[in-house]
Amino acid sequence: MARRPLGRLPTGTTHDARADEQPAAPTSNDKQGLTPVFIAGFPAGPWGTNCYVVATGPGSECVVIDPGKDAAAGVDQVVREHRLKPVSVLVTHGHVDHMWCVAPVAGTYDATAWIHPSDRHLLTDPMAGMSRETTQMLLGGAYEWAEPDDVRELSDLAELELAGLRFVVDHTPGHTEGSVTFRTPYAQQDVSEVMFSGDLLFAGSIGRTDLPGGDHATMLRSLTDKVLPLADDIVVLPGHGEQTSIGRERATNPYLLDLTQDV
């Protein structure tokens, strides 16, 4: 698997936040006692979906976010290289490009899978969330599908304490009914939080809403209610493409510009 470093966010801890193929990022539990955070990210599969491995540092437990198609090998490489132990797999939404390898990764490391209840059915019937073209492509080849053994459900504004880290869940429907984002605090230098945005928000764009379970008006409400109130210094690690920030998107993203003009 080809990987290349794309930069790093500032950190005042002993462990650099870094990325192997998308963003790198760091966080803290509070401003007094900072928890160092290591984030490795890489694009996987035919859709180039960003998978992230998040930990407090080498040799610790970790969380895997959105292991899509062909992501298992990348997760294994990061885990072995940095002596990590996955304990949870977080899913931003139920499309196969984000959860194809949830069961293999969770099963390999005896980890718990987390997904919003509105997308829970897609772990059983992933074809229900696909376009006709994608379904035809996948059905043209051999593949196997299995659910994770341990699945737990996410709720809006839930705070998850996993692998020594804290993640705040925001339910952001529109791309799918059960789309969520995960925010984790940083609180040092020029970054207050890092947000794993899934397919809600990209650099210069937003997620499509023409797939089963998608709804454009709902997507705009999610952006208005869950993105626009956020601080400009929050780093956004999206499901596809390069990292960005809330401030950059507020100033340049045409969809957010339209929403701010309507306010």
Protein backbone atom coordinates (compact mmCIF):
# COMPACT_ATOMS: atom_id res chain seq x y z
CA MET A 1 0.00 0.00 0.00
CA ALA A 2 1.52 3.30 -1.07
CA ARG A 3 1.55 5.96 1.65
CA ARG A 4 3.03 9.42 1.84
CA PRO A 5 3.14 11.98 4.65
CA LEU A 6 0.91 15.00 4.10
CA GLY A 7 1.94 17.11 7.05
CA ARG A 8 1.15 17.41 10.72
CA LEU A 9 -0.75 19.61 13.11
CA PRO A 10 1.07 21.42 15.92
CA THR A 11 1.38 19.61 19.22
CA GLY A 12 3.00 20.51 22.51
CA THR A 13 3.08 16.91 23.74
CA THR A 14 5.87 14.39 23.59
CA HIS A 15 4.13 12.46 20.82
CA ASP A 16 3.77 14.16 17.46
CA ALA A 17 0.36 13.97 15.84
CA ARG A 18 0.96 12.63 12.37
CA ALA A 19 -0.67 11.12 9.31
CA ASP A 20 0.52 8.59 6.82
CA GLU A 21 -1.83 9.57 4.02
CA GLN A 22 -4.36 12.27 4.77
CA PRO A 23 -4.31 14.43 7.80
CA ALA A 24 -2.53 14.17 11.00
CA ALA A 25 -3.99 15.36 14.21
CA PRO A 26 -3.87 15.50 18.01
CA THR A 27 -6.18 16.17 21.00
CA SER A 28 -6.57 16.65 24.72
CA ASN A 29 -8.99 15.94 27.52
CA ASP A 30 -8.60 19.39 29.04
CA LYS A 31 -6.32 22.40 28.88
CA GLN A 32 -4.51 21.54 32.09
CA GLY A 33 -3.62 17.88 31.53
CA LEU A 34 -3.24 17.34 27.81
CA THR A 35 -3.59 13.88 26.38
CA PRO A 36 -1.33 13.41 23.35
CA VAL A 37 -3.04 12.07 20.26
CA PHE A 38 -1.60 10.21 17.32
CA ILE A 39 -3.67 9.99 14.12
CA ALA A 40 -2.68 7.99 11.08
CA GLY A 41 -4.86 8.29 8.00
CA PHE A 42 -4.79 6.66 4.57
CA PRO A 43 -7.17 6.39 1.58
CA ALA A 44 -8.35 2.88 0.80
CA GLY A 45 -10.27 1.08 -1.92
CA PRO A 46 -11.69 2.16 -5.27
CA TRP A 47 -13.41 5.18 -3.70
CA GLY A 48 -10.29 6.44 -1.93
CA THR A 49 -12.09 6.52 1.39
CA ASN A 50 -10.04 7.91 4.27
CA CYS A 51 -9.59 5.48 7.15
CA TYR A 52 -8.16 6.83 10.40
CA VAL A 53 -6.40 5.15 13.32
CA VAL A 54 -6.47 7.27 16.50
CA ALA A 55 -4.50 6.66 19.70
CA THR A 56 -2.78 8.50 22.54
CA GLY A 57 0.56 7.35 21.15
CA PRO A 58 2.59 4.29 20.12
CA GLY A 59 2.10 1.15 22.19
CA SER A 60 -1.44 2.05 23.31
CA GLU A 61 -5.03 1.13 22.58
CA CYS A 62 -6.56 2.80 19.52
CA VAL A 63 -9.79 3.55 17.68
CA VAL A 64 -10.31 2.86 13.97
CA ILE A 65 -12.65 5.18 12.07
CA ASP A 66 -14.30 4.16 8.78
CA PRO A 67 -12.40 1.07 7.62
CA GLY A 68 -13.83 0.81 4.10
CA LYS A 69 -13.04 -1.50 1.23
CA ASP A 70 -9.41 -2.69 1.22
CA ALA A 71 -8.69 -0.85 4.49
CA ALA A 72 -7.88 -3.89 6.63
CA ALA A 73 -4.31 -4.18 5.32
CA GLY A 74 -3.66 -0.48 6.00
CA VAL A 75 -5.02 -0.77 9.52
CA ASP A 76 -2.84 -3.81 10.13
CA GLN A 77 0.22 -1.96 8.88
CA VAL A 78 -0.36 1.04 11.15
CA VAL A 79 -1.19 -1.17 14.13
CA ARG A 80 1.93 -3.31 13.76
CA GLU A 81 4.22 -0.39 13.01
CA HIS A 82 3.13 1.52 16.12
CA ARG A 83 2.30 -1.41 18.42
CA LEU A 84 -1.37 -0.45 18.78
CA LYS A 85 -4.41 -2.42 19.95
CA PRO A 86 -7.76 -1.50 18.32
CA VAL A 87 -10.59 -1.57 20.86
CA SER A 88 -13.33 0.22 18.91
CA VAL A 89 -14.36 0.79 15.30
CA LEU A 90 -16.37 3.99 14.70
CA VAL A 91 -18.53 4.28 11.58
CA THR A 92 -19.57 7.73 10.34
CA HIS A 93 -22.32 6.20 8.15
CA GLY A 94 -23.44 2.95 6.60
CA HIS A 95 -22.11 3.13 3.05
CA VAL A 96 -19.84 0.23 2.12
CA ASP A 97 -16.94 2.47 1.17
CA HIS A 98 -16.79 3.44 4.85
CA MET A 99 -17.66 0.13 6.54
CA TRP A 100 -16.65 -2.69 4.19
CA CYS A 101 -13.91 -3.85 6.58
CA VAL A 102 -15.69 -3.14 9.87
CA ALA A 103 -16.34 -6.83 10.57
CA PRO A 104 -12.82 -8.02 9.58
CA VAL A 105 -11.12 -5.29 11.62
CA ALA A 106 -13.42 -5.67 14.63
CA GLY A 107 -13.14 -9.45 14.49
CA THR A 108 -9.37 -9.50 14.16
CA TYR A 109 -8.82 -7.34 17.23
CA ASP A 110 -11.95 -8.24 19.23
CA ALA A 111 -13.09 -4.63 18.95
CA THR A 112 -16.56 -3.11 19.36
CA ALA A 113 -18.26 -1.52 16.33
CA TRP A 114 -20.28 1.70 16.74
CA ILE A 115 -22.91 2.98 14.29
CA HIS A 116 -26.01 5.19 14.47
CA PRO A 117 -29.29 3.21 14.76
CA SER A 118 -30.71 4.83 11.61
CA ASP A 119 -27.91 3.19 9.60
CA ARG A 120 -27.77 -0.01 11.66
CA HIS A 121 -29.76 -1.94 9.02
CA LEU A 122 -27.00 -1.30 6.48
CA LEU A 123 -24.68 -3.57 8.46
CA THR A 124 -27.18 -6.32 7.63
CA ASP A 125 -28.13 -5.22 4.10
CA PRO A 126 -25.38 -2.95 2.70
CA MET A 127 -26.95 -2.98 -0.76
CA ALA A 128 -29.85 -0.91 0.62
CA GLY A 129 -27.55 2.11 0.76
CA MET A 130 -26.01 1.81 -2.70
CA SER A 131 -26.73 3.30 -6.06
CA ARG A 132 -27.73 0.97 -8.90
CA GLU A 133 -24.34 1.47 -10.57
CA THR A 134 -22.41 0.57 -7.41
CA THR A 135 -24.59 -2.46 -6.79
CA GLN A 136 -24.03 -3.72 -10.33
CA MET A 137 -20.28 -3.24 -9.98
CA LEU A 138 -20.13 -5.17 -6.72
CA LEU A 139 -22.49 -7.93 -7.83
CA GLY A 140 -20.31 -8.45 -10.88
CA GLY A 141 -17.59 -9.89 -8.64
CA ALA A 142 -17.31 -12.27 -5.73
CA TYR A 143 -17.55 -10.85 -2.23
CA GLU A 144 -18.59 -11.90 1.25
CA TRP A 145 -20.39 -9.86 3.90
CA ALA A 146 -20.61 -10.37 7.64
CA GLU A 147 -21.76 -8.28 10.58
CA PRO A 148 -19.46 -7.54 13.51
CA ASP A 149 -20.06 -9.67 16.60
CA ASP A 150 -20.36 -6.68 18.96
CA VAL A 151 -22.31 -3.67 17.62
CA ARG A 152 -23.35 -0.70 19.73
CA GLU A 153 -25.45 2.28 18.74
CA LEU A 154 -24.49 5.94 18.70
CA SER A 155 -26.72 8.83 19.77
CA ASP A 156 -26.61 12.56 19.17
CA LEU A 157 -24.29 14.43 21.55
CA ALA A 158 -23.10 11.19 23.17
CA GLU A 159 -19.61 11.36 24.67
CA LEU A 160 -17.58 8.21 24.13
CA GLU A 161 -14.54 7.45 26.27
CA LEU A 162 -12.49 5.05 24.15
CA ALA A 163 -8.80 4.12 24.21
CA GLY A 164 -8.09 6.98 26.60
CA LEU A 165 -9.71 9.53 24.27
CA ARG A 166 -13.02 11.38 24.26
CA PHE A 167 -15.25 11.61 21.17
CA VAL A 168 -18.40 13.74 20.93
CA VAL A 169 -20.98 12.36 18.50
CA ASP A 170 -23.06 14.71 16.35
CA HIS A 171 -25.94 13.18 14.40
CA THR A 172 -25.78 14.82 10.95
CA PRO A 173 -28.32 13.18 8.61
CA GLY A 174 -28.60 14.13 4.96
CA HIS A 175 -26.01 11.96 3.24
CA THR A 176 -27.63 9.01 5.01
CA GLU A 177 -30.23 8.96 7.74
CA GLY A 178 -27.68 7.81 10.30
CA SER A 179 -24.67 9.92 9.35
CA VAL A 180 -22.63 11.20 12.27
CA THR A 181 -19.43 13.11 12.89
CA PHE A 182 -16.94 12.60 15.71
CA ARG A 183 -15.21 15.51 17.44
CA THR A 184 -12.29 15.14 19.80
CA PRO A 185 -10.71 18.04 21.76
CA TYR A 186 -7.26 19.39 21.06
CA ALA A 187 -7.16 22.64 23.04
CA GLN A 188 -3.59 23.62 22.29
CA GLN A 189 -1.94 26.20 20.04
CA ASP A 190 -4.26 27.07 17.14
CA VAL A 191 -6.56 24.02 17.13
CA SER A 192 -9.36 23.45 19.64
CA GLU A 193 -10.84 20.26 18.20
CA VAL A 194 -10.49 17.74 15.41
CA MET A 195 -13.63 16.59 13.61
CA PHE A 196 -13.94 13.37 11.62
CA SER A 197 -16.63 14.53 9.22
CA GLY A 198 -17.33 11.40 7.19
CA ASP A 199 -19.25 12.43 4.08
CA LEU A 200 -20.93 15.46 5.64
CA LEU A 201 -18.26 18.05 4.82
CA PHE A 202 -15.29 18.00 2.44
CA ALA A 203 -12.71 20.57 1.42
CA GLY A 204 -14.77 22.76 -0.90
CA SER A 205 -17.85 20.56 -1.02
CA ILE A 206 -20.40 18.46 0.90
CA GLY A 207 -21.68 14.90 0.67
CA ARG A 208 -24.05 13.85 -2.09
CA THR A 209 -27.70 13.41 -1.22
CA ASP A 210 -29.02 11.43 -4.20
CA LEU A 211 -28.34 7.96 -2.78
CA PRO A 212 -30.87 5.88 -0.80
CA GLY A 213 -31.48 7.55 2.55
CA GLY A 214 -30.12 10.89 1.36
CA ASP A 215 -32.03 14.17 1.52
CA HIS A 216 -30.67 17.55 0.46
CA ALA A 217 -32.86 19.69 2.74
CA THR A 218 -31.87 17.52 5.70
CA MET A 219 -28.20 17.84 4.73
CA LEU A 220 -28.49 21.64 4.74
CA ARG A 221 -30.10 21.54 8.19
CA SER A 222 -27.25 19.39 9.49
CA LEU A 223 -24.70 21.84 8.11
CA THR A 224 -26.60 24.77 9.60
CA ASP A 225 -27.14 23.19 13.02
CA LYS A 226 -23.94 21.16 13.44
CA VAL A 227 -21.21 22.81 11.36
CA LEU A 228 -21.83 26.55 11.23
CA PRO A 229 -21.85 26.95 15.04
CA LEU A 230 -18.39 25.36 15.33
CA ALA A 231 -15.18 27.29 15.93
CA ASP A 232 -13.09 28.26 12.90
CA ASP A 233 -9.96 26.61 14.29
CA ILE A 234 -11.41 23.09 14.25
CA VAL A 235 -9.52 20.82 11.86
CA VAL A 236 -11.76 18.71 9.63
CA LEU A 237 -10.62 15.23 8.62
CA PRO A 238 -13.10 14.19 5.92
CA GLY A 239 -14.13 10.84 4.49
CA HIS A 240 -12.56 11.69 1.14
CA GLY A 241 -9.89 14.14 0.03
CA GLU A 242 -7.63 16.48 1.93
CA GLN A 243 -7.98 17.89 5.41
CA THR A 244 -9.44 21.35 5.91
CA SER A 245 -10.81 23.52 8.73
CA ILE A 246 -14.16 24.96 9.70
CA GLY A 247 -12.83 28.48 9.12
CA ARG A 248 -11.57 27.68 5.64
CA GLU A 249 -14.87 26.06 4.67
CA ARG A 250 -16.92 28.86 6.17
CA ALA A 251 -14.98 31.33 4.01
CA THR A 252 -14.70 29.35 0.76
CA ASN A 253 -17.14 26.43 0.60
CA PRO A 254 -20.00 27.48 -1.71
CA TYR A 255 -22.57 25.45 0.21
CA LEU A 256 -21.66 27.02 3.55
CA LEU A 257 -21.45 30.46 1.96
CA ASP A 258 -25.02 30.07 0.72
CA LEU A 259 -26.16 29.05 4.19
CA THR A 260 -24.43 31.96 5.91
CA GLN A 261 -25.98 34.40 3.43
CA ASP A 262 -29.41 32.97 4.23
CA VAL A 263 -28.95 33.52 7.96
